């Protein structure tokens, strides 16, 4: 299993970023994909989930209305569109899949929201 995130960077408050996570090593369309983030000095937290079958999405309360998770099963990729970014959204964003009873993580992509 391999997960590779991309799309992070420096953005001003109120700006937008789109993160991507390219997955391989498993049958992507059947598995729930998650985005997590870890802010400096804080524990990793769940951001959003997109289920494998049906593509149902779920969000942490603080991200509702600002973030959108989506997936392209033909490309084995999950996305996180982030709008109206705030300084408190700064952190490393990771995608994650539970496969075969194990959690797999990408290397993360840094998002910095600052003026």
N, C-alpha and C. Protein backbone atom coordinates (compact mmCIF):
# COMPACT_ATOMS: atom_id res chain seq x y z
N UNK A 1 0.85 -1.19 0.00
CA UNK A 1 0.00 0.00 0.00
C UNK A 1 0.89 1.25 0.00
N UNK A 2 0.57 2.15 -0.88
CA UNK A 2 1.32 3.41 -0.92
C UNK A 2 0.34 4.57 -1.09
N UNK A 3 0.54 5.60 -0.29
CA UNK A 3 -0.27 6.81 -0.36
C UNK A 3 0.68 7.99 -0.53
N UNK A 4 0.42 8.82 -1.52
CA UNK A 4 1.31 9.96 -1.79
C UNK A 4 0.47 11.22 -1.88
N UNK A 5 0.66 12.10 -0.89
CA UNK A 5 -0.08 13.36 -0.88
C UNK A 5 0.68 14.44 -1.64
N UNK A 6 -0.07 15.40 -2.14
CA UNK A 6 0.51 16.56 -2.80
C UNK A 6 -0.47 17.71 -2.73
N UNK A 7 0.02 18.91 -3.05
CA UNK A 7 -0.87 20.06 -3.16
C UNK A 7 -0.79 21.05 -2.03
N UNK A 8 -0.01 20.76 -1.01
CA UNK A 8 0.11 21.69 0.10
C UNK A 8 0.91 22.92 -0.30
N UNK A 9 0.96 23.88 0.61
CA UNK A 9 1.73 25.09 0.36
C UNK A 9 1.35 26.19 1.31
N UNK A 10 1.80 27.39 0.98
CA UNK A 10 1.52 28.58 1.77
C UNK A 10 0.37 29.34 1.11
N UNK A 11 -0.62 29.69 1.91
CA UNK A 11 -1.78 30.41 1.38
C UNK A 11 -2.21 31.45 2.40
N UNK A 12 -2.76 32.54 1.92
CA UNK A 12 -3.24 33.59 2.81
C UNK A 12 -4.59 33.20 3.42
N UNK A 13 -4.90 33.74 4.58
CA UNK A 13 -6.23 33.49 5.15
C UNK A 13 -7.33 33.84 4.16
N UNK A 14 -8.33 32.98 4.10
CA UNK A 14 -9.42 33.15 3.14
C UNK A 14 -9.17 32.48 1.80
N UNK A 15 -7.96 32.00 1.61
CA UNK A 15 -7.60 31.36 0.35
C UNK A 15 -8.03 29.91 0.28
N UNK A 16 -7.64 29.26 -0.81
CA UNK A 16 -8.03 27.87 -1.06
C UNK A 16 -6.83 27.04 -1.49
N UNK A 17 -6.92 25.77 -1.20
CA UNK A 17 -5.95 24.78 -1.68
C UNK A 17 -6.70 23.50 -1.99
N UNK A 18 -6.14 22.73 -2.91
CA UNK A 18 -6.68 21.41 -3.21
C UNK A 18 -5.57 20.38 -3.02
N UNK A 19 -5.79 19.50 -2.08
CA UNK A 19 -4.84 18.43 -1.82
C UNK A 19 -5.24 17.18 -2.59
N UNK A 20 -4.25 16.40 -2.98
CA UNK A 20 -4.48 15.13 -3.66
C UNK A 20 -3.74 14.03 -2.93
N UNK A 21 -4.28 12.84 -3.00
CA UNK A 21 -3.61 11.66 -2.44
C UNK A 21 -3.77 10.54 -3.45
N UNK A 22 -2.65 10.15 -4.04
CA UNK A 22 -2.64 9.05 -5.00
C UNK A 22 -2.38 7.75 -4.27
N UNK A 23 -3.24 6.77 -4.48
CA UNK A 23 -3.16 5.51 -3.75
C UNK A 23 -2.81 4.36 -4.68
N UNK A 24 -2.12 3.37 -4.15
CA UNK A 24 -1.80 2.17 -4.92
C UNK A 24 -1.60 1.01 -3.96
N UNK A 25 -1.69 -0.20 -4.52
CA UNK A 25 -1.44 -1.39 -3.72
C UNK A 25 -2.69 -2.06 -3.15
N UNK A 26 -3.84 -1.52 -3.44
CA UNK A 26 -5.08 -2.12 -2.99
C UNK A 26 -6.18 -1.67 -3.96
N UNK A 27 -7.35 -2.33 -3.86
CA UNK A 27 -8.46 -2.00 -4.76
C UNK A 27 -9.17 -0.78 -4.20
N UNK A 28 -8.75 0.34 -4.69
CA UNK A 28 -9.09 1.65 -4.11
C UNK A 28 -10.59 1.83 -3.94
N UNK A 29 -11.37 1.46 -4.93
CA UNK A 29 -12.79 1.83 -4.93
C UNK A 29 -13.56 1.19 -3.78
N UNK A 30 -13.03 0.15 -3.17
CA UNK A 30 -13.76 -0.55 -2.13
C UNK A 30 -13.49 0.00 -0.72
N UNK A 31 -12.52 0.89 -0.59
CA UNK A 31 -12.04 1.27 0.74
C UNK A 31 -12.34 2.72 1.09
N UNK A 32 -12.69 2.91 2.36
CA UNK A 32 -12.88 4.25 2.87
C UNK A 32 -11.54 4.97 2.90
N UNK A 33 -11.56 6.21 2.44
CA UNK A 33 -10.35 7.04 2.46
C UNK A 33 -10.59 8.22 3.40
N UNK A 34 -9.56 8.54 4.15
CA UNK A 34 -9.68 9.59 5.15
C UNK A 34 -8.56 10.62 4.98
N UNK A 35 -8.89 11.84 5.32
CA UNK A 35 -7.89 12.89 5.49
C UNK A 35 -7.82 13.24 6.98
N UNK A 36 -6.60 13.35 7.46
CA UNK A 36 -6.33 13.79 8.82
C UNK A 36 -5.39 14.98 8.74
N UNK A 37 -5.26 15.69 9.84
CA UNK A 37 -4.25 16.74 9.90
C UNK A 37 -3.65 16.77 11.30
N UNK A 38 -2.44 17.31 11.34
CA UNK A 38 -1.77 17.48 12.62
C UNK A 38 -1.18 18.88 12.67
N UNK A 39 -1.74 19.67 13.57
CA UNK A 39 -1.25 21.03 13.77
C UNK A 39 -0.04 21.00 14.70
N UNK A 40 0.80 22.01 14.63
CA UNK A 40 1.99 22.04 15.49
C UNK A 40 1.61 21.91 16.96
N UNK A 41 2.23 20.97 17.64
CA UNK A 41 2.00 20.78 19.07
C UNK A 41 0.69 20.12 19.43
N UNK A 42 -0.04 19.63 18.43
CA UNK A 42 -1.33 19.02 18.69
C UNK A 42 -1.37 17.60 18.16
N UNK A 43 -2.37 16.85 18.61
CA UNK A 43 -2.54 15.48 18.13
C UNK A 43 -3.16 15.49 16.74
N UNK A 44 -2.92 14.41 16.04
CA UNK A 44 -3.52 14.25 14.72
C UNK A 44 -5.03 14.15 14.87
N UNK A 45 -5.77 14.81 13.99
CA UNK A 45 -7.22 14.78 14.05
C UNK A 45 -7.82 14.43 12.69
N UNK A 46 -8.99 13.81 12.75
CA UNK A 46 -9.70 13.45 11.54
C UNK A 46 -10.32 14.69 10.91
N UNK A 47 -10.16 14.81 9.59
CA UNK A 47 -10.73 15.92 8.85
C UNK A 47 -11.98 15.49 8.11
N UNK A 48 -11.87 14.42 7.32
CA UNK A 48 -12.98 14.01 6.48
C UNK A 48 -12.81 12.56 6.04
N UNK A 49 -13.94 11.94 5.70
CA UNK A 49 -13.96 10.55 5.23
C UNK A 49 -14.80 10.48 3.96
N UNK A 50 -14.33 9.70 3.01
CA UNK A 50 -15.14 9.36 1.83
C UNK A 50 -15.21 7.85 1.75
N UNK A 51 -16.40 7.29 1.86
CA UNK A 51 -16.52 5.84 1.87
C UNK A 51 -16.23 5.26 0.49
N UNK A 52 -15.85 3.97 0.51
CA UNK A 52 -15.51 3.34 -0.75
C UNK A 52 -16.73 3.07 -1.60
N UNK A 53 -17.69 2.41 -1.01
CA UNK A 53 -18.91 2.09 -1.73
C UNK A 53 -19.93 3.20 -1.46
N UNK A 54 -20.34 3.87 -2.50
CA UNK A 54 -21.32 4.94 -2.34
C UNK A 54 -20.72 6.31 -2.24
N UNK A 55 -19.48 6.40 -1.77
CA UNK A 55 -18.83 7.70 -1.70
C UNK A 55 -19.43 8.66 -0.70
N UNK A 56 -20.05 8.14 0.34
CA UNK A 56 -20.61 9.00 1.37
C UNK A 56 -19.49 9.78 2.06
N UNK A 57 -19.76 11.05 2.34
CA UNK A 57 -18.74 11.89 2.97
C UNK A 57 -19.15 12.32 4.36
N UNK A 58 -18.15 12.45 5.21
CA UNK A 58 -18.34 12.88 6.59
C UNK A 58 -17.22 13.85 6.93
N UNK A 59 -17.55 14.87 7.75
CA UNK A 59 -16.57 15.89 8.07
C UNK A 59 -16.53 16.17 9.57
N UNK A 60 -15.35 16.56 10.03
CA UNK A 60 -15.26 17.11 11.37
C UNK A 60 -16.03 18.43 11.40
N UNK A 61 -16.59 18.75 12.54
CA UNK A 61 -17.46 19.93 12.64
C UNK A 61 -16.79 21.21 12.18
N UNK A 62 -15.53 21.39 12.53
CA UNK A 62 -14.86 22.65 12.21
C UNK A 62 -14.56 22.81 10.72
N UNK A 63 -14.70 21.73 9.95
CA UNK A 63 -14.42 21.78 8.52
C UNK A 63 -15.69 21.82 7.67
N UNK A 64 -16.82 21.56 8.29
CA UNK A 64 -18.06 21.51 7.51
C UNK A 64 -18.33 22.84 6.83
N UNK A 65 -18.67 22.77 5.55
CA UNK A 65 -18.97 23.96 4.80
C UNK A 65 -17.76 24.62 4.18
N UNK A 66 -16.57 24.24 4.62
CA UNK A 66 -15.34 24.83 4.06
C UNK A 66 -14.52 23.81 3.27
N UNK A 67 -14.52 22.57 3.73
CA UNK A 67 -13.73 21.51 3.09
C UNK A 67 -14.66 20.54 2.36
N UNK A 68 -14.16 20.01 1.26
CA UNK A 68 -14.89 19.01 0.51
C UNK A 68 -13.95 17.86 0.14
N UNK A 69 -14.30 16.68 0.58
CA UNK A 69 -13.54 15.50 0.19
C UNK A 69 -14.23 14.87 -1.01
N UNK A 70 -13.43 14.38 -1.94
CA UNK A 70 -13.98 13.70 -3.10
C UNK A 70 -12.98 12.63 -3.53
N UNK A 71 -13.44 11.74 -4.37
CA UNK A 71 -12.56 10.69 -4.84
C UNK A 71 -12.84 10.39 -6.30
N UNK A 72 -11.79 9.99 -7.00
CA UNK A 72 -11.89 9.56 -8.38
C UNK A 72 -11.40 8.12 -8.41
N UNK A 73 -12.33 7.20 -8.42
CA UNK A 73 -11.96 5.79 -8.36
C UNK A 73 -11.22 5.32 -9.61
N UNK A 74 -11.42 6.00 -10.72
CA UNK A 74 -10.70 5.64 -11.94
C UNK A 74 -9.22 6.03 -11.85
N UNK A 75 -8.94 7.05 -11.03
CA UNK A 75 -7.56 7.51 -10.88
C UNK A 75 -6.93 7.08 -9.56
N UNK A 76 -7.70 6.34 -8.75
CA UNK A 76 -7.20 5.91 -7.44
C UNK A 76 -6.69 7.10 -6.63
N UNK A 77 -7.47 8.15 -6.63
CA UNK A 77 -7.06 9.39 -5.98
C UNK A 77 -8.20 9.96 -5.15
N UNK A 78 -7.83 10.46 -3.99
CA UNK A 78 -8.77 11.17 -3.14
C UNK A 78 -8.28 12.61 -3.01
N UNK A 79 -9.23 13.53 -2.96
CA UNK A 79 -8.92 14.95 -2.93
C UNK A 79 -9.50 15.60 -1.68
N UNK A 80 -8.92 16.72 -1.33
CA UNK A 80 -9.48 17.55 -0.27
C UNK A 80 -9.43 19.00 -0.76
N UNK A 81 -10.60 19.52 -1.10
CA UNK A 81 -10.71 20.93 -1.48
C UNK A 81 -10.94 21.73 -0.22
N UNK A 82 -10.06 22.69 0.03
CA UNK A 82 -10.14 23.49 1.25
C UNK A 82 -10.34 24.95 0.87
N UNK A 83 -11.44 25.51 1.31
CA UNK A 83 -11.77 26.90 1.03
C UNK A 83 -11.85 27.69 2.33
N UNK A 84 -11.83 29.00 2.21
CA UNK A 84 -11.94 29.89 3.39
C UNK A 84 -10.96 29.47 4.47
N UNK A 85 -9.74 29.26 4.07
CA UNK A 85 -8.74 28.75 5.01
C UNK A 85 -8.43 29.76 6.10
N UNK A 86 -8.17 29.22 7.29
CA UNK A 86 -7.88 30.02 8.47
C UNK A 86 -6.48 29.66 8.98
N UNK A 87 -5.86 30.54 9.72
CA UNK A 87 -4.54 30.21 10.28
C UNK A 87 -4.56 28.91 11.10
N UNK A 88 -5.66 28.63 11.75
CA UNK A 88 -5.74 27.40 12.55
C UNK A 88 -5.85 26.14 11.71
N UNK A 89 -5.98 26.29 10.40
CA UNK A 89 -5.95 25.13 9.51
C UNK A 89 -4.51 24.70 9.19
N UNK A 90 -3.55 25.48 9.64
CA UNK A 90 -2.14 25.15 9.41
C UNK A 90 -1.80 23.81 10.02
N UNK A 91 -1.06 23.01 9.27
CA UNK A 91 -0.62 21.73 9.77
C UNK A 91 -0.19 20.82 8.64
N UNK A 92 0.15 19.61 8.99
CA UNK A 92 0.49 18.60 7.99
C UNK A 92 -0.76 17.75 7.76
N UNK A 93 -1.10 17.59 6.52
CA UNK A 93 -2.31 16.85 6.14
C UNK A 93 -1.89 15.49 5.58
N UNK A 94 -2.57 14.47 6.10
CA UNK A 94 -2.25 13.09 5.74
C UNK A 94 -3.49 12.39 5.20
N UNK A 95 -3.30 11.56 4.21
CA UNK A 95 -4.38 10.65 3.86
C UNK A 95 -4.10 9.28 4.47
N UNK A 96 -5.16 8.52 4.62
CA UNK A 96 -5.10 7.29 5.41
C UNK A 96 -6.11 6.27 4.88
N UNK A 97 -5.71 5.02 4.92
CA UNK A 97 -6.63 3.94 4.60
C UNK A 97 -6.37 2.80 5.57
N UNK A 98 -7.43 2.16 5.98
CA UNK A 98 -7.32 0.94 6.77
C UNK A 98 -7.50 -0.24 5.83
N UNK A 99 -6.46 -1.04 5.69
CA UNK A 99 -6.46 -2.15 4.75
C UNK A 99 -5.87 -3.37 5.42
N UNK A 100 -6.58 -4.47 5.36
CA UNK A 100 -6.08 -5.69 5.97
C UNK A 100 -5.87 -5.57 7.46
N UNK A 101 -6.66 -4.72 8.11
CA UNK A 101 -6.54 -4.54 9.54
C UNK A 101 -5.45 -3.59 9.98
N UNK A 102 -4.75 -3.02 9.02
CA UNK A 102 -3.67 -2.07 9.34
C UNK A 102 -3.99 -0.70 8.79
N UNK A 103 -3.52 0.32 9.49
CA UNK A 103 -3.65 1.69 9.01
C UNK A 103 -2.40 2.06 8.22
N UNK A 104 -2.63 2.63 7.05
CA UNK A 104 -1.54 3.11 6.22
C UNK A 104 -1.67 4.62 6.05
N UNK A 105 -0.50 5.28 6.03
CA UNK A 105 -0.45 6.74 5.96
C UNK A 105 0.50 7.18 4.88
N UNK A 106 0.18 8.32 4.29
CA UNK A 106 1.13 8.94 3.40
C UNK A 106 2.18 9.71 4.19
N UNK A 107 3.05 10.37 3.48
CA UNK A 107 4.13 11.12 4.12
C UNK A 107 3.65 12.48 4.61
N UNK A 108 2.48 12.90 4.15
CA UNK A 108 1.92 14.18 4.56
C UNK A 108 2.32 15.31 3.64
N UNK A 109 1.48 16.34 3.64
CA UNK A 109 1.77 17.56 2.88
C UNK A 109 1.49 18.76 3.77
N UNK A 110 2.43 19.69 3.81
CA UNK A 110 2.33 20.83 4.71
C UNK A 110 1.41 21.90 4.14
N UNK A 111 0.49 22.34 4.97
CA UNK A 111 -0.37 23.48 4.64
C UNK A 111 -0.10 24.58 5.67
N UNK A 112 0.24 25.74 5.18
CA UNK A 112 0.49 26.89 6.05
C UNK A 112 -0.41 28.03 5.62
N UNK A 113 -1.24 28.49 6.56
CA UNK A 113 -2.16 29.60 6.29
C UNK A 113 -1.66 30.81 7.08
N UNK A 114 -1.16 31.77 6.35
CA UNK A 114 -0.55 32.92 7.00
C UNK A 114 -0.52 34.10 6.04
N UNK A 115 -0.64 35.28 6.61
CA UNK A 115 -0.52 36.49 5.80
C UNK A 115 0.92 37.00 5.81
